[in-house]
Amino acid sequence: MKETRIQCDVEELLRLIGGRWKVVLIRELENGPRRHGQLLRSLTGITQKMLTQRLRELETDGLIQRRDFLEGRVKLVEYSLTEWGCNVMEIIMHIHHWAAANHDSLSGKQAAVTLHS
């Protein structure tokens, strides 16, 4: 017997942007297109392999687009947010503002105060 699973749109969104690097990559692309090397230098701690993997996932999911072009004899690749990726960035910023306003609760300080009251 097959298990019936309720489809949740929020769960699907979290799958698309979840993980350590996806939100950071989306944020890096918010201000305009970036090349692979620029992204690698701006993200401390990410490996080239991980960056390539996450960029491919974001592209497959339609959040970013890849553009190949020649500059002289050198082939360059540039990544930018799609229109849908920009919309997702707005949601991420709402979450960011909420998280900043609720920092104490998120860090557990508020929960500890409530338990001891």
N, C-alpha and C. Protein backbone atom coordinates (compact mmCIF):
# COMPACT_ATOMS: atom_id res chain seq x y z
N MET A 1 0.84 -1.18 0.00
CA MET A 1 0.00 0.00 0.00
C MET A 1 0.88 1.24 0.00
N LYS A 2 0.58 2.17 -0.88
CA LYS A 2 1.36 3.39 -0.99
C LYS A 2 0.97 4.39 0.09
N GLU A 3 1.98 5.04 0.66
CA GLU A 3 1.74 6.05 1.69
C GLU A 3 1.27 7.34 1.03
N THR A 4 0.18 7.90 1.52
CA THR A 4 -0.33 9.17 1.02
C THR A 4 0.42 10.29 1.73
N ARG A 5 0.93 11.21 0.94
CA ARG A 5 1.70 12.31 1.51
C ARG A 5 1.05 13.62 1.11
N ILE A 6 0.87 14.48 2.06
CA ILE A 6 0.31 15.79 1.79
C ILE A 6 1.40 16.66 1.19
N GLN A 7 1.10 17.29 0.06
CA GLN A 7 2.05 18.18 -0.59
C GLN A 7 1.96 19.56 0.07
N CYS A 8 3.08 20.06 0.52
CA CYS A 8 3.13 21.37 1.17
C CYS A 8 4.04 22.28 0.36
N ASP A 9 3.50 23.40 -0.09
CA ASP A 9 4.28 24.33 -0.91
C ASP A 9 5.45 24.93 -0.14
N VAL A 10 5.26 25.17 1.15
CA VAL A 10 6.36 25.72 1.96
C VAL A 10 7.49 24.71 2.05
N GLU A 11 7.14 23.46 2.23
CA GLU A 11 8.15 22.40 2.28
C GLU A 11 8.93 22.35 0.97
N GLU A 12 8.24 22.51 -0.15
CA GLU A 12 8.90 22.50 -1.45
C GLU A 12 9.84 23.70 -1.59
N LEU A 13 9.41 24.87 -1.14
CA LEU A 13 10.28 26.05 -1.18
C LEU A 13 11.53 25.82 -0.33
N LEU A 14 11.35 25.27 0.86
CA LEU A 14 12.50 25.02 1.73
C LEU A 14 13.45 23.99 1.11
N ARG A 15 12.91 23.04 0.37
CA ARG A 15 13.77 22.09 -0.34
C ARG A 15 14.62 22.82 -1.39
N LEU A 16 14.01 23.78 -2.08
CA LEU A 16 14.72 24.51 -3.13
C LEU A 16 15.84 25.39 -2.59
N ILE A 17 15.62 26.00 -1.43
CA ILE A 17 16.61 26.96 -0.91
C ILE A 17 17.36 26.42 0.30
N GLY A 18 17.05 25.20 0.72
CA GLY A 18 17.66 24.63 1.91
C GLY A 18 19.12 24.27 1.70
N GLY A 19 19.78 24.04 2.77
CA GLY A 19 21.20 23.69 2.71
C GLY A 19 22.05 24.89 3.08
N ARG A 20 23.31 24.63 3.23
CA ARG A 20 24.21 25.66 3.75
C ARG A 20 24.47 26.80 2.78
N TRP A 21 24.48 26.55 1.48
CA TRP A 21 24.99 27.56 0.56
C TRP A 21 23.96 28.21 -0.35
N LYS A 22 22.79 27.63 -0.52
CA LYS A 22 21.85 28.14 -1.52
C LYS A 22 21.37 29.55 -1.22
N VAL A 23 20.96 29.82 -0.01
CA VAL A 23 20.49 31.17 0.32
C VAL A 23 21.62 32.18 0.16
N VAL A 24 22.81 31.80 0.55
CA VAL A 24 23.96 32.69 0.43
C VAL A 24 24.25 32.98 -1.04
N LEU A 25 24.15 31.97 -1.88
CA LEU A 25 24.37 32.18 -3.31
C LEU A 25 23.31 33.09 -3.91
N ILE A 26 22.07 32.87 -3.53
CA ILE A 26 20.99 33.73 -4.02
C ILE A 26 21.25 35.17 -3.59
N ARG A 27 21.68 35.36 -2.35
CA ARG A 27 21.99 36.70 -1.85
C ARG A 27 23.14 37.33 -2.64
N GLU A 28 24.16 36.56 -2.94
CA GLU A 28 25.30 37.07 -3.71
C GLU A 28 24.88 37.53 -5.11
N LEU A 29 23.89 36.87 -5.66
CA LEU A 29 23.44 37.21 -7.01
C LEU A 29 22.38 38.31 -7.02
N GLU A 30 21.93 38.71 -5.85
CA GLU A 30 20.90 39.74 -5.76
C GLU A 30 21.35 41.05 -6.40
N ASN A 31 22.62 41.39 -6.27
CA ASN A 31 23.11 42.68 -6.77
C ASN A 31 23.58 42.63 -8.22
N GLY A 32 23.36 41.51 -8.88
CA GLY A 32 23.72 41.42 -10.28
C GLY A 32 24.50 40.16 -10.59
N PRO A 33 24.74 39.95 -11.87
CA PRO A 33 25.44 38.73 -12.32
C PRO A 33 26.83 38.61 -11.73
N ARG A 34 27.25 37.37 -11.50
CA ARG A 34 28.59 37.08 -10.98
C ARG A 34 29.16 35.89 -11.75
N ARG A 35 30.46 35.90 -11.90
CA ARG A 35 31.14 34.76 -12.49
C ARG A 35 31.50 33.76 -11.40
N HIS A 36 31.78 32.55 -11.83
CA HIS A 36 32.09 31.46 -10.90
C HIS A 36 33.22 31.85 -9.94
N GLY A 37 34.29 32.39 -10.49
CA GLY A 37 35.44 32.77 -9.66
C GLY A 37 35.10 33.86 -8.65
N GLN A 38 34.27 34.80 -9.06
CA GLN A 38 33.85 35.86 -8.13
C GLN A 38 33.07 35.27 -6.96
N LEU A 39 32.18 34.33 -7.27
CA LEU A 39 31.40 33.69 -6.22
C LEU A 39 32.30 32.87 -5.29
N LEU A 40 33.24 32.17 -5.88
CA LEU A 40 34.16 31.35 -5.08
C LEU A 40 34.97 32.21 -4.11
N ARG A 41 35.43 33.37 -4.58
CA ARG A 41 36.21 34.26 -3.71
C ARG A 41 35.36 34.92 -2.63
N SER A 42 34.09 35.16 -2.93
CA SER A 42 33.25 35.88 -1.97
C SER A 42 32.65 34.98 -0.89
N LEU A 43 32.66 33.68 -1.09
CA LEU A 43 32.06 32.75 -0.14
C LEU A 43 33.14 31.96 0.59
N THR A 44 33.51 32.45 1.74
CA THR A 44 34.55 31.81 2.54
C THR A 44 34.09 30.44 2.99
N GLY A 45 34.89 29.42 2.68
CA GLY A 45 34.62 28.08 3.15
C GLY A 45 33.98 27.15 2.15
N ILE A 46 33.49 27.66 1.04
CA ILE A 46 32.88 26.78 0.03
C ILE A 46 33.97 26.26 -0.90
N THR A 47 33.86 24.99 -1.27
CA THR A 47 34.81 24.42 -2.22
C THR A 47 34.31 24.65 -3.64
N GLN A 48 35.20 24.55 -4.59
CA GLN A 48 34.83 24.73 -5.98
C GLN A 48 33.78 23.68 -6.38
N LYS A 49 33.96 22.44 -5.92
CA LYS A 49 33.02 21.37 -6.23
C LYS A 49 31.63 21.66 -5.68
N MET A 50 31.57 22.11 -4.42
CA MET A 50 30.30 22.42 -3.79
C MET A 50 29.62 23.59 -4.48
N LEU A 51 30.40 24.62 -4.83
CA LEU A 51 29.84 25.77 -5.53
C LEU A 51 29.22 25.35 -6.86
N THR A 52 29.94 24.56 -7.62
CA THR A 52 29.44 24.09 -8.91
C THR A 52 28.16 23.27 -8.73
N GLN A 53 28.16 22.41 -7.73
CA GLN A 53 26.98 21.57 -7.47
C GLN A 53 25.77 22.42 -7.10
N ARG A 54 25.94 23.38 -6.20
CA ARG A 54 24.82 24.21 -5.77
C ARG A 54 24.32 25.11 -6.91
N LEU A 55 25.24 25.64 -7.72
CA LEU A 55 24.83 26.46 -8.86
C LEU A 55 24.00 25.63 -9.84
N ARG A 56 24.42 24.40 -10.08
CA ARG A 56 23.66 23.53 -10.98
C ARG A 56 22.26 23.25 -10.43
N GLU A 57 22.18 23.00 -9.12
CA GLU A 57 20.87 22.74 -8.50
C GLU A 57 19.95 23.97 -8.61
N LEU A 58 20.50 25.14 -8.32
CA LEU A 58 19.70 26.36 -8.41
C LEU A 58 19.26 26.63 -9.85
N GLU A 59 20.13 26.32 -10.79
CA GLU A 59 19.77 26.49 -12.21
C GLU A 59 18.69 25.49 -12.62
N THR A 60 18.84 24.26 -12.22
CA THR A 60 17.84 23.22 -12.54
C THR A 60 16.48 23.60 -11.96
N ASP A 61 16.48 24.18 -10.76
CA ASP A 61 15.23 24.56 -10.10
C ASP A 61 14.68 25.89 -10.58
N GLY A 62 15.38 26.56 -11.49
CA GLY A 62 14.86 27.78 -12.11
C GLY A 62 15.09 29.05 -11.32
N LEU A 63 15.93 29.01 -10.29
CA LEU A 63 16.18 30.21 -9.48
C LEU A 63 17.28 31.09 -10.07
N ILE A 64 18.21 30.47 -10.77
CA ILE A 64 19.28 31.24 -11.41
C ILE A 64 19.39 30.81 -12.87
N GLN A 65 20.06 31.65 -13.65
CA GLN A 65 20.33 31.30 -15.04
C GLN A 65 21.82 31.42 -15.29
N ARG A 66 22.30 30.60 -16.17
CA ARG A 66 23.71 30.58 -16.54
C ARG A 66 23.82 31.13 -17.95
N ARG A 67 24.83 31.97 -18.14
CA ARG A 67 25.06 32.54 -19.47
C ARG A 67 26.53 32.32 -19.82
N ASP A 68 26.78 31.67 -20.93
CA ASP A 68 28.13 31.45 -21.43
C ASP A 68 28.42 32.51 -22.48
N PHE A 69 29.62 33.08 -22.43
CA PHE A 69 30.00 34.05 -23.45
C PHE A 69 31.52 34.06 -23.59
N LEU A 70 31.96 34.58 -24.70
CA LEU A 70 33.39 34.69 -24.98
C LEU A 70 33.87 36.10 -24.73
N GLU A 71 35.00 36.18 -24.06
CA GLU A 71 35.67 37.47 -23.88
C GLU A 71 37.06 37.28 -24.46
N GLY A 72 37.21 37.74 -25.70
CA GLY A 72 38.43 37.43 -26.43
C GLY A 72 38.41 35.96 -26.79
N ARG A 73 39.42 35.21 -26.37
CA ARG A 73 39.47 33.77 -26.61
C ARG A 73 39.07 32.97 -25.39
N VAL A 74 38.68 33.67 -24.35
CA VAL A 74 38.35 33.01 -23.09
C VAL A 74 36.84 32.85 -22.95
N LYS A 75 36.41 31.63 -22.64
CA LYS A 75 35.00 31.37 -22.40
C LYS A 75 34.70 31.69 -20.93
N LEU A 76 33.72 32.54 -20.72
CA LEU A 76 33.32 32.90 -19.37
C LEU A 76 31.89 32.44 -19.12
N VAL A 77 31.61 32.17 -17.86
CA VAL A 77 30.28 31.77 -17.44
C VAL A 77 29.82 32.77 -16.39
N GLU A 78 28.62 33.24 -16.53
CA GLU A 78 28.06 34.22 -15.61
C GLU A 78 26.71 33.70 -15.11
N TYR A 79 26.47 33.90 -13.83
CA TYR A 79 25.22 33.46 -13.21
C TYR A 79 24.44 34.69 -12.73
N SER A 80 23.12 34.62 -12.87
CA SER A 80 22.26 35.70 -12.39
C SER A 80 20.93 35.10 -11.93
N LEU A 81 20.21 35.87 -11.14
CA LEU A 81 18.90 35.44 -10.68
C LEU A 81 17.90 35.52 -11.82
N THR A 82 17.00 34.57 -11.87
CA THR A 82 15.87 34.66 -12.79
C THR A 82 14.82 35.55 -12.13
N GLU A 83 13.76 35.85 -12.85
CA GLU A 83 12.69 36.64 -12.25
C GLU A 83 12.12 35.90 -11.04
N TRP A 84 11.96 34.60 -11.18
CA TRP A 84 11.45 33.81 -10.07
C TRP A 84 12.44 33.80 -8.90
N GLY A 85 13.73 33.76 -9.22
CA GLY A 85 14.76 33.83 -8.18
C GLY A 85 14.70 35.15 -7.42
N CYS A 86 14.40 36.24 -8.12
CA CYS A 86 14.23 37.54 -7.46
C CYS A 86 13.03 37.52 -6.52
N ASN A 87 11.95 36.86 -6.94
CA ASN A 87 10.78 36.74 -6.08
C ASN A 87 11.10 35.93 -4.82
N VAL A 88 11.86 34.87 -4.99
CA VAL A 88 12.27 34.05 -3.85
C VAL A 88 13.17 34.87 -2.93
N MET A 89 14.02 35.72 -3.50
CA MET A 89 14.89 36.58 -2.69
C MET A 89 14.06 37.49 -1.81
N GLU A 90 12.94 37.99 -2.30
CA GLU A 90 12.07 38.83 -1.48
C GLU A 90 11.55 38.05 -0.27
N ILE A 91 11.18 36.80 -0.47
CA ILE A 91 10.72 35.95 0.63
C ILE A 91 11.85 35.73 1.63
N ILE A 92 13.04 35.48 1.12
CA ILE A 92 14.21 35.28 2.00
C ILE A 92 14.45 36.53 2.83
N MET A 93 14.30 37.71 2.23
CA MET A 93 14.50 38.96 2.98
C MET A 93 13.43 39.15 4.05
N HIS A 94 12.20 38.74 3.79
CA HIS A 94 11.15 38.79 4.82
C HIS A 94 11.54 37.90 5.99
N ILE A 95 12.03 36.71 5.68
CA ILE A 95 12.47 35.79 6.73
C ILE A 95 13.65 36.39 7.49
N HIS A 96 14.56 37.02 6.77
CA HIS A 96 15.72 37.67 7.40
C HIS A 96 15.29 38.75 8.40
N HIS A 97 14.37 39.61 7.96
CA HIS A 97 13.90 40.69 8.84
C HIS A 97 13.18 40.13 10.06
N TRP A 98 12.37 39.11 9.86
CA TRP A 98 11.68 38.48 10.99
C TRP A 98 12.69 37.85 11.95
N ALA A 99 13.68 37.15 11.41
CA ALA A 99 14.70 36.50 12.24
C ALA A 99 15.50 37.53 13.03
N ALA A 100 15.84 38.66 12.40
CA ALA A 100 16.57 39.71 13.11
C ALA A 100 15.74 40.30 14.23
N ALA A 101 14.44 40.49 13.99
CA ALA A 101 13.55 41.05 15.01
C ALA A 101 13.31 40.07 16.15
N ASN A 102 13.50 38.78 15.90
CA ASN A 102 13.24 37.75 16.90
C ASN A 102 14.51 37.00 17.29
N HIS A 103 15.63 37.68 17.20
CA HIS A 103 16.93 37.07 17.46
C HIS A 103 17.00 36.38 18.82
N ASP A 104 16.54 37.05 19.87
CA ASP A 104 16.62 36.46 21.21
C ASP A 104 15.83 35.16 21.30
N SER A 105 14.66 35.14 20.73
CA SER A 105 13.85 33.91 20.75
C SER A 105 14.52 32.80 19.96
N LEU A 106 15.10 33.13 18.84
CA LEU A 106 15.75 32.13 18.02
C LEU A 106 16.99 31.56 18.68
N SER A 107 17.70 32.39 19.45
CA SER A 107 18.93 31.93 20.08
C SER A 107 18.67 31.15 21.36
N GLY A 108 17.40 31.04 21.76
CA GLY A 108 17.07 30.25 22.94
C GLY A 108 16.99 31.05 24.22
N LYS A 109 17.39 32.32 24.21
CA LYS A 109 17.38 33.14 25.42
C LYS A 109 15.95 33.33 25.92
N GLN A 110 15.03 33.62 25.00
CA GLN A 110 13.65 33.85 25.37
C GLN A 110 13.03 32.57 25.92
N ALA A 111 13.35 31.43 25.30
CA ALA A 111 12.80 30.15 25.75
C ALA A 111 13.26 29.84 27.18
N ALA A 112 14.52 30.14 27.49
CA ALA A 112 15.04 29.87 28.84
C ALA A 112 14.34 30.76 29.86
N VAL A 113 14.08 32.01 29.54
CA VAL A 113 13.40 32.93 30.44
C VAL A 113 11.99 32.45 30.69
N THR A 114 11.29 32.01 29.64
CA THR A 114 9.92 31.54 29.76
C THR A 114 9.85 30.29 30.63
N LEU A 115 10.79 29.38 30.50
CA LEU A 115 10.78 28.15 31.28
C LEU A 115 11.00 28.41 32.76
N HIS A 116 11.77 29.44 33.12
CA HIS A 116 12.10 29.72 34.51
C HIS A 116 11.09 30.63 35.18
N SER A 117 10.15 31.17 34.46
CA SER A 117 9.16 32.09 35.03
C SER A 117 8.09 31.36 35.80
